[in-house]
Amino acid sequence: MAREKFSQIYARAAERKGGEAVLESMLATPLSAEQLELIGDDRWLAAFTQKVFQSGISWQVVRNKWPNFEEVFFGFDIEKMLLMPTEMWERKATEPAIIRHLAKVMTIPENAHMIHAAAVEYGSFSSMVANWPQDDITGLWRYLKKHGKRLGGNTGPYTLRIMGKDTFILSGDVEAYLRQTGIIDGGRDTQKSLTAAQSAFSEWQQESGRPLCQISQIIAFSCGDNRV
């Protein structure tokens, strides 16, 4: 099956959303590499933790409790996280001010170790993320899944998007489109599917000159049930 031109996808998305101006107003803008490098590594740990807790729990409930998380976990200061013994983490997990979930709380020290290791190698976790090549963004997903805790699936990619790193997302609509057009046909997170998706997005990026996040959004807006 011939790959659909991005211009066709864009035209369909614009028609569904009520015109190009409306569509453009709905698109995200990623941060530059220079802006990403300014993000403190504690903010990455906070973002990963928030996204882990939002998995299977109301996002709004987590947001409402978030100031308590920041206080209980010392602002997610990486050095402090690395120094806390296991029994202290177990006590923290029983704090009524946060959402009490030991398994999710225990992702914090593991992801702190991942961030610290990257900082040792690259200067900061932010520097690693900022300079990760766009034509291998799924490689960054795999890094998070391999070295982090509970950062597989869409958890890692969504966190990257929220923090401003340019990435596409294999949301339900995007995955459905890739399957309908024969770009992927196996498990979503297999090496074969991720490589095929990366190749398609890189081609659309070369065609359109747009960031990956906008291409991903436009594809989602071009199909599924999300009409005006």
C-alpha atoms as a PDB file:
ATOM      1  CA  MET A   1       0.000   0.000   0.000  1.00  0.00           C
ATOM      2  CA  ALA A   2       1.421   3.390  -0.996  1.00  0.00           C
ATOM      3  CA  ARG A   3       2.069   5.684   1.946  1.00  0.00           C
ATOM      4  CA  GLU A   4      -0.376   8.585   2.087  1.00  0.00           C
ATOM      5  CA  LYS A   5       1.159  12.001   1.541  1.00  0.00           C
ATOM      6  CA  PHE A   6       1.143  14.191   4.604  1.00  0.00           C
ATOM      7  CA  SER A   7      -0.586  16.934   2.615  1.00  0.00           C
ATOM      8  CA  GLN A   8      -3.561  14.589   2.212  1.00  0.00           C
ATOM      9  CA  ILE A   9      -3.626  13.793   5.913  1.00  0.00           C
ATOM     10  CA  TYR A  10      -3.447  17.503   6.749  1.00  0.00           C
ATOM     11  CA  ALA A  11      -6.295  18.396   4.366  1.00  0.00           C
ATOM     12  CA  ARG A  12      -8.537  15.743   5.894  1.00  0.00           C
ATOM     13  CA  ALA A  13      -7.732  16.863   9.445  1.00  0.00           C
ATOM     14  CA  ALA A  14      -8.426  20.507   8.563  1.00  0.00           C
ATOM     15  CA  GLU A  15     -11.777  19.578   6.987  1.00  0.00           C
ATOM     16  CA  ARG A  16     -12.773  17.590  10.057  1.00  0.00           C
ATOM     17  CA  LYS A  17     -11.798  20.372  12.468  1.00  0.00           C
ATOM     18  CA  GLY A  18     -13.413  23.272  10.636  1.00  0.00           C
ATOM     19  CA  GLY A  19     -10.510  24.710   8.686  1.00  0.00           C
ATOM     20  CA  GLU A  20      -6.784  25.197   8.759  1.00  0.00           C
ATOM     21  CA  ALA A  21      -6.854  28.068  11.265  1.00  0.00           C
ATOM     22  CA  VAL A  22      -8.757  25.976  13.802  1.00  0.00           C
ATOM     23  CA  LEU A  23      -6.479  23.002  13.251  1.00  0.00           C
ATOM     24  CA  GLU A  24      -3.335  25.086  13.646  1.00  0.00           C
ATOM     25  CA  SER A  25      -4.639  26.528  16.918  1.00  0.00           C
ATOM     26  CA  MET A  26      -4.881  23.009  18.347  1.00  0.00           C
ATOM     27  CA  LEU A  27      -1.275  21.979  17.679  1.00  0.00           C
ATOM     28  CA  ALA A  28       1.486  21.740  20.284  1.00  0.00           C
ATOM     29  CA  THR A  29       4.837  23.482  19.972  1.00  0.00           C
ATOM     30  CA  PRO A  30       7.885  21.623  21.318  1.00  0.00           C
ATOM     31  CA  LEU A  31      10.724  23.283  23.176  1.00  0.00           C
ATOM     32  CA  SER A  32      14.063  23.886  21.520  1.00  0.00           C
ATOM     33  CA  ALA A  33      17.092  21.849  22.574  1.00  0.00           C
ATOM     34  CA  GLU A  34      18.397  24.918  24.411  1.00  0.00           C
ATOM     35  CA  GLN A  35      15.146  25.271  26.348  1.00  0.00           C
ATOM     36  CA  LEU A  36      15.061  21.575  27.215  1.00  0.00           C
ATOM     37  CA  GLU A  37      18.591  21.700  28.612  1.00  0.00           C
ATOM     38  CA  LEU A  38      17.475  24.301  31.156  1.00  0.00           C
ATOM     39  CA  ILE A  39      14.995  21.900  32.786  1.00  0.00           C
ATOM     40  CA  GLY A  40      16.201  20.640  36.156  1.00  0.00           C
ATOM     41  CA  ASP A  41      16.530  16.877  36.481  1.00  0.00           C
ATOM     42  CA  ASP A  42      14.234  16.985  39.514  1.00  0.00           C
ATOM     43  CA  ARG A  43      11.443  18.146  37.186  1.00  0.00           C
ATOM     44  CA  TRP A  44      11.920  15.066  35.023  1.00  0.00           C
ATOM     45  CA  LEU A  45      11.588  12.805  38.049  1.00  0.00           C
ATOM     46  CA  ALA A  46       8.474  14.688  39.131  1.00  0.00           C
ATOM     47  CA  ALA A  47       6.967  14.395  35.643  1.00  0.00           C
ATOM     48  CA  PHE A  48       7.703  10.665  35.357  1.00  0.00           C
ATOM     49  CA  THR A  49       6.244  10.082  38.811  1.00  0.00           C
ATOM     50  CA  GLN A  50       3.087  12.037  38.076  1.00  0.00           C
ATOM     51  CA  LYS A  51       2.527  10.128  34.852  1.00  0.00           C
ATOM     52  CA  VAL A  52       3.128   6.776  36.592  1.00  0.00           C
ATOM     53  CA  PHE A  53       0.541   7.652  39.236  1.00  0.00           C
ATOM     54  CA  GLN A  54      -1.946   8.829  36.606  1.00  0.00           C
ATOM     55  CA  SER A  55      -1.875   5.369  35.020  1.00  0.00           C
ATOM     56  CA  GLY A  56      -5.116   3.722  36.113  1.00  0.00           C
ATOM     57  CA  ILE A  57      -6.096   6.640  38.359  1.00  0.00           C
ATOM     58  CA  SER A  58      -8.063   9.800  37.596  1.00  0.00           C
ATOM     59  CA  TRP A  59      -5.611  12.369  36.247  1.00  0.00           C
ATOM     60  CA  GLN A  60      -7.431  15.118  38.126  1.00  0.00           C
ATOM     61  CA  VAL A  61      -7.161  13.265  41.443  1.00  0.00           C
ATOM     62  CA  VAL A  62      -3.396  13.038  40.955  1.00  0.00           C
ATOM     63  CA  ARG A  63      -3.165  16.719  39.983  1.00  0.00           C
ATOM     64  CA  ASN A  64      -5.130  17.731  43.075  1.00  0.00           C
ATOM     65  CA  LYS A  65      -2.774  15.761  45.313  1.00  0.00           C
ATOM     66  CA  TRP A  66       0.385  16.822  43.502  1.00  0.00           C
ATOM     67  CA  PRO A  67       1.485  19.652  45.838  1.00  0.00           C
ATOM     68  CA  ASN A  68       1.527  17.037  48.619  1.00  0.00           C
ATOM     69  CA  PHE A  69       3.730  14.754  46.519  1.00  0.00           C
ATOM     70  CA  GLU A  70       6.187  17.605  46.011  1.00  0.00           C
ATOM     71  CA  GLU A  71       6.347  18.189  49.763  1.00  0.00           C
ATOM     72  CA  VAL A  72       6.530  14.536  50.831  1.00  0.00           C
ATOM     73  CA  PHE A  73       9.291  13.754  48.322  1.00  0.00           C
ATOM     74  CA  PHE A  74      11.415  16.860  48.948  1.00  0.00           C
ATOM     75  CA  GLY A  75      10.711  18.423  45.564  1.00  0.00           C
ATOM     76  CA  PHE A  76      12.068  15.271  43.888  1.00  0.00           C
ATOM     77  CA  ASP A  77      15.636  16.382  44.568  1.00  0.00           C
ATOM     78  CA  ILE A  78      17.683  13.635  42.909  1.00  0.00           C
ATOM     79  CA  GLU A  79      20.433  13.473  45.536  1.00  0.00           C
ATOM     80  CA  LYS A  80      17.923  13.215  48.375  1.00  0.00           C
ATOM     81  CA  MET A  81      16.029  10.502  46.517  1.00  0.00           C
ATOM     82  CA  LEU A  82      19.218   8.473  46.132  1.00  0.00           C
ATOM     83  CA  LEU A  83      20.038   8.713  49.838  1.00  0.00           C
ATOM     84  CA  MET A  84      16.694   7.514  51.205  1.00  0.00           C
ATOM     85  CA  PRO A  85      16.761   3.928  52.559  1.00  0.00           C
ATOM     86  CA  THR A  86      14.105   1.378  51.612  1.00  0.00           C
ATOM     87  CA  GLU A  87      12.305   1.591  54.957  1.00  0.00           C
ATOM     88  CA  MET A  88      11.898   5.349  54.505  1.00  0.00           C
ATOM     89  CA  TRP A  89      10.314   4.804  51.094  1.00  0.00           C
ATOM     90  CA  GLU A  90       7.928   2.303  52.665  1.00  0.00           C
ATOM     91  CA  ARG A  91       6.940   4.875  55.276  1.00  0.00           C
ATOM     92  CA  LYS A  92       6.476   7.543  52.618  1.00  0.00           C
ATOM     93  CA  ALA A  93       4.116   5.221  50.734  1.00  0.00           C
ATOM     94  CA  THR A  94       1.736   5.230  53.728  1.00  0.00           C
ATOM     95  CA  GLU A  95       1.484   9.033  53.893  1.00  0.00           C
ATOM     96  CA  PRO A  96      -2.241   9.966  53.791  1.00  0.00           C
ATOM     97  CA  ALA A  97      -1.387  13.234  52.002  1.00  0.00           C
ATOM     98  CA  ILE A  98      -0.449  11.353  48.826  1.00  0.00           C
ATOM     99  CA  ILE A  99      -1.997   8.460  46.907  1.00  0.00           C
ATOM    100  CA  ARG A 100      -0.832   5.427  48.865  1.00  0.00           C
ATOM    101  CA  HIS A 101       0.519   2.915  46.372  1.00  0.00           C
ATOM    102  CA  LEU A 102       3.797   1.262  47.366  1.00  0.00           C
ATOM    103  CA  ALA A 103       4.672  -0.168  43.940  1.00  0.00           C
ATOM    104  CA  LYS A 104       4.278   3.226  42.292  1.00  0.00           C
ATOM    105  CA  VAL A 105       6.150   5.028  45.076  1.00  0.00           C
ATOM    106  CA  MET A 106       9.042   2.597  44.597  1.00  0.00           C
ATOM    107  CA  THR A 107       9.406   3.745  40.984  1.00  0.00           C
ATOM    108  CA  ILE A 108      10.722   7.061  42.312  1.00  0.00           C
ATOM    109  CA  PRO A 109      14.124   5.817  43.558  1.00  0.00           C
ATOM    110  CA  GLU A 110      14.553   3.588  40.492  1.00  0.00           C
ATOM    111  CA  ASN A 111      13.822   6.449  38.095  1.00  0.00           C
ATOM    112  CA  ALA A 112      16.053   8.718  40.189  1.00  0.00           C
ATOM    113  CA  HIS A 113      18.890   6.249  39.591  1.00  0.00           C
ATOM    114  CA  MET A 114      18.169   6.309  35.844  1.00  0.00           C
ATOM    115  CA  ILE A 115      18.246  10.116  35.788  1.00  0.00           C
ATOM    116  CA  HIS A 116      21.423  10.238  37.872  1.00  0.00           C
ATOM    117  CA  ALA A 117      23.210   7.715  35.623  1.00  0.00           C
ATOM    118  CA  ALA A 118      22.291   9.762  32.549  1.00  0.00           C
ATOM    119  CA  ALA A 119      23.515  12.925  34.275  1.00  0.00           C
ATOM    120  CA  VAL A 120      26.874  11.297  34.993  1.00  0.00           C
ATOM    121  CA  GLU A 121      27.238  10.316  31.327  1.00  0.00           C
ATOM    122  CA  TYR A 122      25.732  13.357  29.592  1.00  0.00           C
ATOM    123  CA  GLY A 123      26.057  16.164  32.128  1.00  0.00           C
ATOM    124  CA  SER A 124      22.338  16.106  32.910  1.00  0.00           C
ATOM    125  CA  PHE A 125      19.325  14.015  32.039  1.00  0.00           C
ATOM    126  CA  SER A 126      17.932  17.074  30.274  1.00  0.00           C
ATOM    127  CA  SER A 127      21.026  17.277  28.097  1.00  0.00           C
ATOM    128  CA  MET A 128      20.620  13.662  27.025  1.00  0.00           C
ATOM    129  CA  VAL A 129      16.964  14.196  26.126  1.00  0.00           C
ATOM    130  CA  ALA A 130      17.573  17.530  24.414  1.00  0.00           C
ATOM    131  CA  ASN A 131      20.243  16.110  22.125  1.00  0.00           C
ATOM    132  CA  TRP A 132      18.603  12.780  21.363  1.00  0.00           C
ATOM    133  CA  PRO A 133      18.199  12.618  17.552  1.00  0.00           C
ATOM    134  CA  GLN A 134      14.714  13.111  16.135  1.00  0.00           C
ATOM    135  CA  ASP A 135      15.159  10.284  13.657  1.00  0.00           C
ATOM    136  CA  ASP A 136      15.511   7.835  16.553  1.00  0.00           C
ATOM    137  CA  ILE A 137      12.907   9.110  18.985  1.00  0.00           C
ATOM    138  CA  THR A 138      11.664   5.549  19.530  1.00  0.00           C
ATOM    139  CA  GLY A 139      15.203   4.775  20.713  1.00  0.00           C
ATOM    140  CA  LEU A 140      14.618   7.255  23.535  1.00  0.00           C
ATOM    141  CA  TRP A 141      11.363   5.461  24.328  1.00  0.00           C
ATOM    142  CA  ARG A 142      13.279   2.189  24.554  1.00  0.00           C
ATOM    143  CA  TYR A 143      15.903   3.829  26.789  1.00  0.00           C
ATOM    144  CA  LEU A 144      13.217   4.934  29.255  1.00  0.00           C
ATOM    145  CA  LYS A 145      11.591   1.509  29.227  1.00  0.00           C
ATOM    146  CA  LYS A 146      14.889  -0.332  29.719  1.00  0.00           C
ATOM    147  CA  HIS A 147      16.513   1.891  32.317  1.00  0.00           C
ATOM    148  CA  GLY A 148      13.453   3.315  34.066  1.00  0.00           C
ATOM    149  CA  LYS A 149      10.570   1.784  35.972  1.00  0.00           C
ATOM    150  CA  ARG A 150       7.013   1.705  34.561  1.00  0.00           C
ATOM    151  CA  LEU A 151       7.998   4.004  31.698  1.00  0.00           C
ATOM    152  CA  GLY A 152       7.086   1.639  28.869  1.00  0.00           C
ATOM    153  CA  GLY A 153       4.034   1.851  26.627  1.00  0.00           C
ATOM    154  CA  ASN A 154       2.896   5.455  26.255  1.00  0.00           C
ATOM    155  CA  THR A 155       3.978   6.554  29.752  1.00  0.00           C
ATOM    156  CA  GLY A 156       7.486   7.578  28.687  1.00  0.00           C
ATOM    157  CA  PRO A 157       6.447   9.200  25.392  1.00  0.00           C
ATOM    158  CA  TYR A 158       3.599  11.164  26.996  1.00  0.00           C
ATOM    159  CA  THR A 159       5.981  12.463  29.661  1.00  0.00           C
ATOM    160  CA  LEU A 160       8.445  13.549  26.986  1.00  0.00           C
ATOM    161  CA  ARG A 161       5.636  15.365  25.159  1.00  0.00           C
ATOM    162  CA  ILE A 162       4.456  17.104  28.325  1.00  0.00           C
ATOM    163  CA  MET A 163       7.988  18.243  29.117  1.00  0.00           C
ATOM    164  CA  GLY A 164       8.462  19.711  25.653  1.00  0.00           C
ATOM    165  CA  LYS A 165      10.560  17.069  23.869  1.00  0.00           C
ATOM    166  CA  ASP A 166       9.388  16.664  20.303  1.00  0.00           C
ATOM    167  CA  THR A 167       7.940  13.183  19.936  1.00  0.00           C
ATOM    168  CA  PHE A 168       5.051  11.486  18.261  1.00  0.00           C
ATOM    169  CA  ILE A 169       2.645   9.405  20.327  1.00  0.00           C
ATOM    170  CA  LEU A 170       1.157   6.051  19.413  1.00  0.00           C
ATOM    171  CA  SER A 171      -2.262   7.016  20.744  1.00  0.00           C
ATOM    172  CA  GLY A 172      -5.279   4.901  19.900  1.00  0.00           C
ATOM    173  CA  ASP A 173      -6.125   7.000  16.826  1.00  0.00           C
ATOM    174  CA  VAL A 174      -2.533   7.140  15.579  1.00  0.00           C
ATOM    175  CA  GLU A 175      -2.021   3.422  16.073  1.00  0.00           C
ATOM    176  CA  ALA A 176      -5.301   2.690  14.275  1.00  0.00           C
ATOM    177  CA  TYR A 177      -4.222   4.848  11.328  1.00  0.00           C
ATOM    178  CA  LEU A 178      -0.836   3.145  11.093  1.00  0.00           C
ATOM    179  CA  ARG A 179      -2.537  -0.241  11.075  1.00  0.00           C
ATOM    180  CA  GLN A 180      -5.222   0.718   8.561  1.00  0.00           C
ATOM    181  CA  THR A 181      -2.553   1.959   6.163  1.00  0.00           C
ATOM    182  CA  GLY A 182      -0.338  -1.094   6.638  1.00  0.00           C
ATOM    183  CA  ILE A 183       2.572   0.759   8.203  1.00  0.00           C
ATOM    184  CA  ILE A 184       2.486  -1.521  11.236  1.00  0.00           C
ATOM    185  CA  ASP A 185       0.853  -4.918  11.479  1.00  0.00           C
ATOM    186  CA  GLY A 186       2.284  -6.577  14.587  1.00  0.00           C
ATOM    187  CA  GLY A 187       2.511  -5.723  18.257  1.00  0.00           C
ATOM    188  CA  ARG A 188       2.621  -1.982  18.807  1.00  0.00           C
ATOM    189  CA  ASP A 189       5.762  -2.008  20.941  1.00  0.00           C
ATOM    190  CA  THR A 190       7.802  -4.518  18.934  1.00  0.00           C
ATOM    191  CA  GLN A 191      11.064  -3.415  17.367  1.00  0.00           C
ATOM    192  CA  LYS A 192       9.572  -3.984  13.914  1.00  0.00           C
ATOM    193  CA  SER A 193       6.542  -1.765  14.565  1.00  0.00           C
ATOM    194  CA  LEU A 194       8.540   0.990  16.247  1.00  0.00           C
ATOM    195  CA  THR A 195      11.058   1.036  13.403  1.00  0.00           C
ATOM    196  CA  ALA A 196       8.261   1.219  10.822  1.00  0.00           C
ATOM    197  CA  ALA A 197       6.487   3.996  12.706  1.00  0.00           C
ATOM    198  CA  GLN A 198       9.723   5.968  13.100  1.00  0.00           C
ATOM    199  CA  SER A 199      10.428   5.626   9.386  1.00  0.00           C
ATOM    200  CA  ALA A 200       6.962   6.876   8.447  1.00  0.00           C
ATOM    201  CA  PHE A 201       7.109   9.847  10.805  1.00  0.00           C
ATOM    202  CA  SER A 202      10.603  10.776   9.624  1.00  0.00           C
ATOM    203  CA  GLU A 203       9.349  10.753   6.028  1.00  0.00           C
ATOM    204  CA  TRP A 204       6.328  12.920   6.898  1.00  0.00           C
ATOM    205  CA  GLN A 205       8.615  15.282   8.786  1.00  0.00           C
ATOM    206  CA  GLN A 206      10.872  15.689   5.757  1.00  0.00           C
ATOM    207  CA  GLU A 207       7.816  16.312   3.589  1.00  0.00           C
ATOM    208  CA  SER A 208       6.111  18.811   5.877  1.00  0.00           C
ATOM    209  CA  GLY A 209       8.914  20.413   7.884  1.00  0.00           C
ATOM    210  CA  ARG A 210       6.725  20.049  10.975  1.00  0.00           C
ATOM    211  CA  PRO A 211       7.737  18.751  14.402  1.00  0.00           C
ATOM    212  CA  LEU A 212       6.852  15.149  15.197  1.00  0.00           C
ATOM    213  CA  CYS A 213       4.317  16.152  17.849  1.00  0.00           C
ATOM    214  CA  GLN A 214       2.271  18.142  15.318  1.00  0.00           C
ATOM    215  CA  ILE A 215       2.398  15.353  12.749  1.00  0.00           C
ATOM    216  CA  SER A 216       1.131  12.955  15.402  1.00  0.00           C
ATOM    217  CA  GLN A 217      -1.700  15.283  16.399  1.00  0.00           C
ATOM    218  CA  ILE A 218      -2.715  15.941  12.801  1.00  0.00           C
ATOM    219  CA  ILE A 219      -2.883  12.213  12.075  1.00  0.00           C
ATOM    220  CA  ALA A 220      -5.071  11.721  15.141  1.00  0.00           C
ATOM    221  CA  PHE A 221      -7.324  14.596  14.070  1.00  0.00           C
ATOM    222  CA  SER A 222      -7.617  13.122  10.574  1.00  0.00           C
ATOM    223  CA  CYS A 223      -9.297   9.908  11.696  1.00  0.00           C
ATOM    224  CA  GLY A 224     -11.324   8.357  14.489  1.00  0.00           C
ATOM    225  CA  ASP A 225     -14.264   9.971  16.245  1.00  0.00           C
ATOM    226  CA  ASN A 226     -12.716  13.361  17.046  1.00  0.00           C
ATOM    227  CA  ARG A 227     -14.626  15.540  14.575  1.00  0.00           C
ATOM    228  CA  VAL A 228     -15.654  19.110  15.341  1.00  0.00           C
END
